[in-house]
């Protein structure tokens, strides 16, 4: 009880689960229903439009204006974020942490097709996909993976100085998932994993829940978390608990 009372003071107010917003959309042959808590961040701008129905026909997917980020091509179905503000003035206007939710339908890389619409095939695909993007000497974008480049710079400081850069003093890498866990949520099994420092190594952790929709597409709920006052494991744990609470209200079923 005392721990629950102290949580807002130590980790910030965060999402308001007493105020839930029910949302629905259709993705291919699946209907997705979920609930989002209140106390979201208001940036004073209207939300970007997202489709309420997404056709997974290959000829139509591009008509939804898919985005490209970190080697992924996807259509965003939802975006929301929450601020964790302390009871006292800390950080930027009391901001301790932030967590954003991204619901995306991702297209499989044609060079690494999914072996089947099951969690084992999806895990194999994701392991290869992340490795190619972060660890390969040249990924599909034609540039070195961020981890590969950092290791190279770390081992070749003279070459880095010759280019006019200051050599790195310590090696900070994006930590790829080592463990993928199957989690059953409302009768459906999801693949759960996390990436530490996704995109650019730093004080951020992205928590994922992934589901294979077809051989060519998979659905992800990703929660990107960061702390404003240094790396604080207690705040990350709080945001992970909130992410799990949101996921507990996700329902996916055939139309």
C-alpha atoms as a PDB file:
ATOM      1  CA  UNK A   1       0.000   0.000   0.000  1.00  0.00           C
ATOM      2  CA  UNK A   2       2.770   2.472   0.958  1.00  0.00           C
ATOM      3  CA  UNK A   3       4.610   1.660  -2.275  1.00  0.00           C
ATOM      4  CA  UNK A   4       1.511   2.528  -4.315  1.00  0.00           C
ATOM      5  CA  UNK A   5       1.084   5.812  -2.456  1.00  0.00           C
ATOM      6  CA  UNK A   6       4.729   6.795  -3.014  1.00  0.00           C
ATOM      7  CA  UNK A   7       4.799   5.806  -6.716  1.00  0.00           C
ATOM      8  CA  UNK A   8       3.558   9.177  -8.083  1.00  0.00           C
ATOM      9  CA  UNK A   9       6.108  11.061  -6.008  1.00  0.00           C
ATOM     10  CA  UNK A  10       8.993   8.852  -7.114  1.00  0.00           C
ATOM     11  CA  UNK A  11       8.030   8.141 -10.720  1.00  0.00           C
ATOM     12  CA  UNK A  12       5.511  10.845 -11.669  1.00  0.00           C
ATOM     13  CA  UNK A  13       1.757  10.994 -12.115  1.00  0.00           C
ATOM     14  CA  UNK A  14       1.594   9.330 -15.533  1.00  0.00           C
ATOM     15  CA  UNK A  15      -1.478   7.847 -17.276  1.00  0.00           C
ATOM     16  CA  UNK A  16      -4.898   8.156 -15.640  1.00  0.00           C
ATOM     17  CA  UNK A  17      -6.447   4.672 -15.741  1.00  0.00           C
ATOM     18  CA  UNK A  18      -9.673   5.896 -14.170  1.00  0.00           C
ATOM     19  CA  UNK A  19     -10.361   7.655 -17.482  1.00  0.00           C
ATOM     20  CA  UNK A  20     -10.340   5.170 -20.376  1.00  0.00           C
ATOM     21  CA  UNK A  21     -10.937   5.901 -24.061  1.00  0.00           C
ATOM     22  CA  UNK A  22     -12.183   2.882 -26.064  1.00  0.00           C
ATOM     23  CA  UNK A  23     -10.867   2.630 -29.636  1.00  0.00           C
ATOM     24  CA  UNK A  24     -11.362   0.210 -32.513  1.00  0.00           C
ATOM     25  CA  UNK A  25      -9.978  -0.391 -35.991  1.00  0.00           C
ATOM     26  CA  UNK A  26      -9.947  -3.148 -38.610  1.00  0.00           C
ATOM     27  CA  UNK A  27      -6.683  -4.527 -39.992  1.00  0.00           C
ATOM     28  CA  UNK A  28      -7.104  -6.991 -42.823  1.00  0.00           C
ATOM     29  CA  UNK A  29      -9.323  -9.755 -41.441  1.00  0.00           C
ATOM     30  CA  UNK A  30      -8.748  -8.759 -37.802  1.00  0.00           C
ATOM     31  CA  UNK A  31     -10.646  -6.376 -35.576  1.00  0.00           C
ATOM     32  CA  UNK A  32      -8.506  -4.567 -32.998  1.00  0.00           C
ATOM     33  CA  UNK A  33     -10.080  -3.095 -29.862  1.00  0.00           C
ATOM     34  CA  UNK A  34      -8.128  -1.362 -27.103  1.00  0.00           C
ATOM     35  CA  UNK A  35      -8.446   1.194 -24.326  1.00  0.00           C
ATOM     36  CA  UNK A  36      -6.139   4.124 -23.632  1.00  0.00           C
ATOM     37  CA  UNK A  37      -5.849   5.939 -20.305  1.00  0.00           C
ATOM     38  CA  UNK A  38      -6.255   9.683 -19.911  1.00  0.00           C
ATOM     39  CA  UNK A  39      -3.781  12.376 -18.903  1.00  0.00           C
ATOM     40  CA  UNK A  40      -2.174  12.380 -22.346  1.00  0.00           C
ATOM     41  CA  UNK A  41       0.213  15.090 -23.526  1.00  0.00           C
ATOM     42  CA  UNK A  42      -1.556  17.914 -25.360  1.00  0.00           C
ATOM     43  CA  UNK A  43       0.734  19.635 -27.870  1.00  0.00           C
ATOM     44  CA  UNK A  44      -1.967  22.054 -29.004  1.00  0.00           C
ATOM     45  CA  UNK A  45      -2.194  20.538 -32.497  1.00  0.00           C
ATOM     46  CA  UNK A  46      -4.811  18.203 -34.019  1.00  0.00           C
ATOM     47  CA  UNK A  47      -3.877  14.532 -34.140  1.00  0.00           C
ATOM     48  CA  UNK A  48      -2.546  13.264 -37.451  1.00  0.00           C
ATOM     49  CA  UNK A  49      -5.212  11.227 -39.272  1.00  0.00           C
ATOM     50  CA  UNK A  50      -4.906   7.442 -39.011  1.00  0.00           C
ATOM     51  CA  UNK A  51      -6.953   4.837 -40.909  1.00  0.00           C
ATOM     52  CA  UNK A  52      -9.850   3.144 -39.158  1.00  0.00           C
ATOM     53  CA  UNK A  53      -9.592   0.258 -41.640  1.00  0.00           C
ATOM     54  CA  UNK A  54      -6.396  -1.020 -43.260  1.00  0.00           C
ATOM     55  CA  UNK A  55      -6.459  -3.271 -46.320  1.00  0.00           C
ATOM     56  CA  UNK A  56      -3.495  -5.671 -46.356  1.00  0.00           C
ATOM     57  CA  UNK A  57      -3.658  -6.253 -50.086  1.00  0.00           C
ATOM     58  CA  UNK A  58      -0.119  -5.588 -51.354  1.00  0.00           C
ATOM     59  CA  UNK A  59      -1.403  -3.299 -54.111  1.00  0.00           C
ATOM     60  CA  UNK A  60      -3.292  -1.113 -51.622  1.00  0.00           C
ATOM     61  CA  UNK A  61      -0.865  -0.926 -48.673  1.00  0.00           C
ATOM     62  CA  UNK A  62       1.197   1.881 -50.256  1.00  0.00           C
ATOM     63  CA  UNK A  63      -1.939   3.987 -50.700  1.00  0.00           C
ATOM     64  CA  UNK A  64      -1.984   4.485 -46.903  1.00  0.00           C
ATOM     65  CA  UNK A  65       1.259   6.505 -47.099  1.00  0.00           C
ATOM     66  CA  UNK A  66       3.487   4.148 -45.089  1.00  0.00           C
ATOM     67  CA  UNK A  67       6.358   5.587 -43.044  1.00  0.00           C
ATOM     68  CA  UNK A  68       9.971   4.400 -42.885  1.00  0.00           C
ATOM     69  CA  UNK A  69      11.935   4.362 -39.635  1.00  0.00           C
ATOM     70  CA  UNK A  70      14.770   2.166 -38.359  1.00  0.00           C
ATOM     71  CA  UNK A  71      14.559  -0.157 -41.344  1.00  0.00           C
ATOM     72  CA  UNK A  72      10.801  -0.641 -40.915  1.00  0.00           C
ATOM     73  CA  UNK A  73       8.074   0.241 -43.424  1.00  0.00           C
ATOM     74  CA  UNK A  74       4.770   0.654 -41.605  1.00  0.00           C
ATOM     75  CA  UNK A  75       1.363   2.293 -41.465  1.00  0.00           C
ATOM     76  CA  UNK A  76       0.664   3.965 -38.137  1.00  0.00           C
ATOM     77  CA  UNK A  77      -2.727   3.114 -36.666  1.00  0.00           C
ATOM     78  CA  UNK A  78      -2.357   5.009 -33.378  1.00  0.00           C
ATOM     79  CA  UNK A  79      -0.035   7.415 -31.591  1.00  0.00           C
ATOM     80  CA  UNK A  80      -0.372   8.745 -28.071  1.00  0.00           C
ATOM     81  CA  UNK A  81       1.955   9.791 -25.292  1.00  0.00           C
ATOM     82  CA  UNK A  82       1.943  10.482 -21.595  1.00  0.00           C
ATOM     83  CA  UNK A  83       4.063  12.648 -19.298  1.00  0.00           C
ATOM     84  CA  UNK A  84       5.195  11.554 -15.861  1.00  0.00           C
ATOM     85  CA  UNK A  85       5.401  14.697 -13.763  1.00  0.00           C
ATOM     86  CA  UNK A  86       6.563  14.725 -10.160  1.00  0.00           C
ATOM     87  CA  UNK A  87       4.832  16.370  -7.227  1.00  0.00           C
ATOM     88  CA  UNK A  88       7.748  18.782  -6.942  1.00  0.00           C
ATOM     89  CA  UNK A  89       9.481  20.936  -9.555  1.00  0.00           C
ATOM     90  CA  UNK A  90      11.958  18.548 -11.138  1.00  0.00           C
ATOM     91  CA  UNK A  91      13.404  18.482 -14.620  1.00  0.00           C
ATOM     92  CA  UNK A  92      11.555  20.550 -17.248  1.00  0.00           C
ATOM     93  CA  UNK A  93       8.415  21.852 -15.500  1.00  0.00           C
ATOM     94  CA  UNK A  94       8.352  18.805 -13.251  1.00  0.00           C
ATOM     95  CA  UNK A  95       8.758  16.319 -16.127  1.00  0.00           C
ATOM     96  CA  UNK A  96      10.427  13.092 -14.975  1.00  0.00           C
ATOM     97  CA  UNK A  97       9.704  10.695 -17.851  1.00  0.00           C
ATOM     98  CA  UNK A  98       7.730  10.259 -21.062  1.00  0.00           C
ATOM     99  CA  UNK A  99       6.088   7.235 -22.650  1.00  0.00           C
ATOM    100  CA  UNK A 100       4.623   7.124 -26.147  1.00  0.00           C
ATOM    101  CA  UNK A 101       2.499   4.399 -27.708  1.00  0.00           C
ATOM    102  CA  UNK A 102       2.794   3.507 -31.386  1.00  0.00           C
ATOM    103  CA  UNK A 103       0.444   0.971 -32.968  1.00  0.00           C
ATOM    104  CA  UNK A 104       1.896   0.049 -36.358  1.00  0.00           C
ATOM    105  CA  UNK A 105       1.254  -2.439 -39.123  1.00  0.00           C
ATOM    106  CA  UNK A 106       4.681  -3.369 -40.471  1.00  0.00           C
ATOM    107  CA  UNK A 107       5.506  -4.772 -43.884  1.00  0.00           C
ATOM    108  CA  UNK A 108       7.988  -7.625 -44.038  1.00  0.00           C
ATOM    109  CA  UNK A 109      11.316  -6.874 -45.712  1.00  0.00           C
ATOM    110  CA  UNK A 110      11.071  -8.653 -49.103  1.00  0.00           C
ATOM    111  CA  UNK A 111      14.716  -9.760 -48.764  1.00  0.00           C
ATOM    112  CA  UNK A 112      13.895 -11.650 -45.550  1.00  0.00           C
ATOM    113  CA  UNK A 113      10.378 -13.063 -45.928  1.00  0.00           C
ATOM    114  CA  UNK A 114       8.458 -14.355 -42.954  1.00  0.00           C
ATOM    115  CA  UNK A 115       8.437 -18.145 -42.928  1.00  0.00           C
ATOM    116  CA  UNK A 116       4.855 -18.317 -41.683  1.00  0.00           C
ATOM    117  CA  UNK A 117       2.225 -16.450 -39.710  1.00  0.00           C
ATOM    118  CA  UNK A 118       3.322 -17.806 -36.314  1.00  0.00           C
ATOM    119  CA  UNK A 119       5.360 -16.464 -33.400  1.00  0.00           C
ATOM    120  CA  UNK A 120       8.391 -18.678 -34.048  1.00  0.00           C
ATOM    121  CA  UNK A 121       8.710 -17.415 -37.619  1.00  0.00           C
ATOM    122  CA  UNK A 122       8.183 -13.832 -36.473  1.00  0.00           C
ATOM    123  CA  UNK A 123      10.903 -14.140 -33.820  1.00  0.00           C
ATOM    124  CA  UNK A 124      13.378 -15.538 -36.379  1.00  0.00           C
ATOM    125  CA  UNK A 125      12.531 -12.712 -38.769  1.00  0.00           C
ATOM    126  CA  UNK A 126      12.913  -9.999 -36.113  1.00  0.00           C
ATOM    127  CA  UNK A 127      16.264 -11.341 -34.900  1.00  0.00           C
ATOM    128  CA  UNK A 128      17.647 -11.265 -38.434  1.00  0.00           C
ATOM    129  CA  UNK A 129      16.088  -7.904 -39.237  1.00  0.00           C
ATOM    130  CA  UNK A 130      17.482  -6.136 -36.156  1.00  0.00           C
ATOM    131  CA  UNK A 131      20.897  -7.728 -36.618  1.00  0.00           C
ATOM    132  CA  UNK A 132      21.097  -6.592 -40.241  1.00  0.00           C
ATOM    133  CA  UNK A 133      20.118  -3.033 -39.349  1.00  0.00           C
ATOM    134  CA  UNK A 134      22.347  -2.504 -36.311  1.00  0.00           C
ATOM    135  CA  UNK A 135      25.242  -4.926 -36.707  1.00  0.00           C
ATOM    136  CA  UNK A 136      25.839  -5.275 -40.474  1.00  0.00           C
ATOM    137  CA  UNK A 137      28.777  -3.486 -42.089  1.00  0.00           C
ATOM    138  CA  UNK A 138      26.257  -2.231 -44.661  1.00  0.00           C
ATOM    139  CA  UNK A 139      22.520  -2.544 -44.097  1.00  0.00           C
ATOM    140  CA  UNK A 140      19.742  -2.346 -46.683  1.00  0.00           C
ATOM    141  CA  UNK A 141      19.902   1.464 -46.501  1.00  0.00           C
ATOM    142  CA  UNK A 142      23.485   1.225 -47.749  1.00  0.00           C
ATOM    143  CA  UNK A 143      25.018   2.589 -44.538  1.00  0.00           C
ATOM    144  CA  UNK A 144      26.852   0.843 -41.698  1.00  0.00           C
ATOM    145  CA  UNK A 145      24.784  -0.344 -38.784  1.00  0.00           C
ATOM    146  CA  UNK A 146      25.040   2.006 -35.819  1.00  0.00           C
ATOM    147  CA  UNK A 147      26.626  -0.630 -33.599  1.00  0.00           C
ATOM    148  CA  UNK A 148      29.052  -1.690 -36.324  1.00  0.00           C
ATOM    149  CA  UNK A 149      30.102   1.934 -36.891  1.00  0.00           C
ATOM    150  CA  UNK A 150      30.603   2.595 -33.178  1.00  0.00           C
ATOM    151  CA  UNK A 151      32.783  -0.481 -32.766  1.00  0.00           C
ATOM    152  CA  UNK A 152      34.809   0.520 -35.830  1.00  0.00           C
ATOM    153  CA  UNK A 153      35.316   4.073 -34.539  1.00  0.00           C
ATOM    154  CA  UNK A 154      36.226   2.764 -31.107  1.00  0.00           C
ATOM    155  CA  UNK A 155      38.893   0.459 -32.585  1.00  0.00           C
ATOM    156  CA  UNK A 156      40.246   3.059 -35.054  1.00  0.00           C
ATOM    157  CA  UNK A 157      40.584   6.381 -33.159  1.00  0.00           C
ATOM    158  CA  UNK A 158      43.371   7.703 -35.424  1.00  0.00           C
ATOM    159  CA  UNK A 159      41.184   7.325 -38.508  1.00  0.00           C
ATOM    160  CA  UNK A 160      38.337   9.066 -36.709  1.00  0.00           C
ATOM    161  CA  UNK A 161      40.607  11.989 -35.739  1.00  0.00           C
ATOM    162  CA  UNK A 162      41.793  12.294 -39.345  1.00  0.00           C
ATOM    163  CA  UNK A 163      38.201  12.855 -40.396  1.00  0.00           C
ATOM    164  CA  UNK A 164      37.937  15.723 -37.949  1.00  0.00           C
ATOM    165  CA  UNK A 165      35.874  13.886 -35.356  1.00  0.00           C
ATOM    166  CA  UNK A 166      36.585  13.509 -31.680  1.00  0.00           C
ATOM    167  CA  UNK A 167      37.112   9.812 -30.938  1.00  0.00           C
ATOM    168  CA  UNK A 168      34.550   8.176 -28.746  1.00  0.00           C
ATOM    169  CA  UNK A 169      35.677   7.698 -25.153  1.00  0.00           C
ATOM    170  CA  UNK A 170      33.349   4.855 -24.373  1.00  0.00           C
ATOM    171  CA  UNK A 171      31.404   2.350 -26.399  1.00  0.00           C
ATOM    172  CA  UNK A 172      27.628   2.857 -26.153  1.00  0.00           C
ATOM    173  CA  UNK A 173      25.642   0.368 -28.195  1.00  0.00           C
ATOM    174  CA  UNK A 174      22.006  -0.285 -28.973  1.00  0.00           C
ATOM    175  CA  UNK A 175      21.144  -3.417 -26.987  1.00  0.00           C
ATOM    176  CA  UNK A 176      19.158  -5.803 -29.157  1.00  0.00           C
ATOM    177  CA  UNK A 177      16.624  -8.217 -27.681  1.00  0.00           C
ATOM    178  CA  UNK A 178      18.144 -11.364 -26.242  1.00  0.00           C
ATOM    179  CA  UNK A 179      14.895 -12.836 -24.980  1.00  0.00           C
ATOM    180  CA  UNK A 180      11.543 -12.965 -26.773  1.00  0.00           C
ATOM    181  CA  UNK A 181       8.649 -13.983 -24.542  1.00  0.00           C
ATOM    182  CA  UNK A 182       5.265 -15.329 -25.600  1.00  0.00           C
ATOM    183  CA  UNK A 183       2.447 -13.607 -23.738  1.00  0.00           C
ATOM    184  CA  UNK A 184      -1.211 -14.579 -23.980  1.00  0.00           C
ATOM    185  CA  UNK A 185      -3.455 -11.511 -23.855  1.00  0.00           C
ATOM    186  CA  UNK A 186      -7.212 -12.007 -23.988  1.00  0.00           C
ATOM    187  CA  UNK A 187      -6.859 -15.330 -25.798  1.00  0.00           C
ATOM    188  CA  UNK A 188      -4.200 -14.219 -28.303  1.00  0.00           C
ATOM    189  CA  UNK A 189      -0.458 -14.930 -28.079  1.00  0.00           C
ATOM    190  CA  UNK A 190       1.890 -12.002 -28.629  1.00  0.00           C
ATOM    191  CA  UNK A 191       5.675 -11.815 -28.857  1.00  0.00           C
ATOM    192  CA  UNK A 192       7.084  -9.485 -26.186  1.00  0.00           C
ATOM    193  CA  UNK A 193      10.614  -8.029 -26.224  1.00  0.00           C
ATOM    194  CA  UNK A 194      12.496  -4.777 -25.667  1.00  0.00           C
ATOM    195  CA  UNK A 195      15.269  -2.743 -27.297  1.00  0.00           C
ATOM    196  CA  UNK A 196      17.547  -0.537 -25.217  1.00  0.00           C
ATOM    197  CA  UNK A 197      18.458   2.635 -27.126  1.00  0.00           C
ATOM    198  CA  UNK A 198      16.509   1.951 -30.318  1.00  0.00           C
ATOM    199  CA  UNK A 199      17.722   4.024 -33.258  1.00  0.00           C
ATOM    200  CA  UNK A 200      20.498   5.860 -31.421  1.00  0.00           C
ATOM    201  CA  UNK A 201      22.029   4.444 -28.268  1.00  0.00           C
ATOM    202  CA  UNK A 202      20.930   6.439 -25.250  1.00  0.00           C
ATOM    203  CA  UNK A 203      18.707   6.578 -22.215  1.00  0.00           C
ATOM    204  CA  UNK A 204      15.589   5.151 -23.812  1.00  0.00           C
ATOM    205  CA  UNK A 205      13.939   1.736 -23.855  1.00  0.00           C
ATOM    206  CA  UNK A 206      11.267   0.582 -26.290  1.00  0.00           C
ATOM    207  CA  UNK A 207       8.953  -2.203 -25.134  1.00  0.00           C
ATOM    208  CA  UNK A 208       7.307  -4.239 -27.903  1.00  0.00           C
ATOM    209  CA  UNK A 209       4.380  -6.591 -28.318  1.00  0.00           C
ATOM    210  CA  UNK A 210       4.250  -8.072 -31.839  1.00  0.00           C
ATOM    211  CA  UNK A 211       1.688 -10.240 -33.612  1.00  0.00           C
ATOM    212  CA  UNK A 212       1.986 -11.858 -37.090  1.00  0.00           C
ATOM    213  CA  UNK A 213      -1.047 -10.867 -39.147  1.00  0.00           C
ATOM    214  CA  UNK A 214      -0.072 -12.667 -42.375  1.00  0.00           C
ATOM    215  CA  UNK A 215       3.094 -13.919 -44.052  1.00  0.00           C
ATOM    216  CA  UNK A 216       3.741 -10.349 -45.218  1.00  0.00           C
ATOM    217  CA  UNK A 217       2.634  -8.108 -42.324  1.00  0.00           C
ATOM    218  CA  UNK A 218       2.865  -7.980 -38.555  1.00  0.00           C
ATOM    219  CA  UNK A 219       1.300  -5.743 -35.934  1.00  0.00           C
ATOM    220  CA  UNK A 220       3.265  -4.019 -33.167  1.00  0.00           C
ATOM    221  CA  UNK A 221       2.346  -2.145 -30.022  1.00  0.00           C
ATOM    222  CA  UNK A 222       5.531  -0.292 -29.081  1.00  0.00           C
ATOM    223  CA  UNK A 223       5.994   1.847 -25.985  1.00  0.00           C
ATOM    224  CA  UNK A 224       8.960   4.226 -26.253  1.00  0.00           C
ATOM    225  CA  UNK A 225      10.111   5.349 -22.850  1.00  0.00           C
ATOM    226  CA  UNK A 226      12.711   7.858 -21.701  1.00  0.00           C
ATOM    227  CA  UNK A 227      13.654   9.568 -18.454  1.00  0.00           C
ATOM    228  CA  UNK A 228      14.505  13.251 -18.283  1.00  0.00           C
ATOM    229  CA  UNK A 229      16.816  13.174 -15.269  1.00  0.00           C
ATOM    230  CA  UNK A 230      19.262  10.425 -16.126  1.00  0.00           C
ATOM    231  CA  UNK A 231      18.682   6.705 -16.271  1.00  0.00           C
ATOM    232  CA  UNK A 232      16.309   5.726 -13.491  1.00  0.00           C
ATOM    233  CA  UNK A 233      15.378   2.039 -13.344  1.00  0.00           C
ATOM    234  CA  UNK A 234      12.437   2.664 -11.006  1.00  0.00           C
ATOM    235  CA  UNK A 235      10.831   4.999 -13.539  1.00  0.00           C
ATOM    236  CA  UNK A 236      11.423   2.547 -16.390  1.00  0.00           C
ATOM    237  CA  UNK A 237       9.805  -0.197 -14.318  1.00  0.00           C
ATOM    238  CA  UNK A 238       6.804   2.034 -13.651  1.00  0.00           C
ATOM    239  CA  UNK A 239       6.373   2.763 -17.363  1.00  0.00           C
ATOM    240  CA  UNK A 240       6.694  -0.934 -18.205  1.00  0.00           C
ATOM    241  CA  UNK A 241       3.966  -1.719 -15.669  1.00  0.00           C
ATOM    242  CA  UNK A 242       1.738   0.929 -17.269  1.00  0.00           C
ATOM    243  CA  UNK A 243       2.465  -0.473 -20.740  1.00  0.00           C
ATOM    244  CA  UNK A 244       1.497  -3.959 -19.553  1.00  0.00           C
ATOM    245  CA  UNK A 245      -1.695  -2.554 -18.074  1.00  0.00           C
ATOM    246  CA  UNK A 246      -2.600  -0.982 -21.422  1.00  0.00           C
ATOM    247  CA  UNK A 247      -1.792  -4.252 -23.224  1.00  0.00           C
ATOM    248  CA  UNK A 248      -4.082  -6.140 -20.836  1.00  0.00           C
ATOM    249  CA  UNK A 249      -6.979  -4.242 -22.425  1.00  0.00           C
ATOM    250  CA  UNK A 250      -6.057  -5.130 -26.042  1.00  0.00           C
ATOM    251  CA  UNK A 251      -8.425  -7.469 -27.881  1.00  0.00           C
ATOM    252  CA  UNK A 252      -7.697  -8.892 -31.323  1.00  0.00           C
ATOM    253  CA  UNK A 253     -10.156 -11.171 -33.120  1.00  0.00           C
ATOM    254  CA  UNK A 254     -11.229 -12.151 -36.606  1.00  0.00           C
ATOM    255  CA  UNK A 255     -14.042 -10.108 -38.101  1.00  0.00           C
END
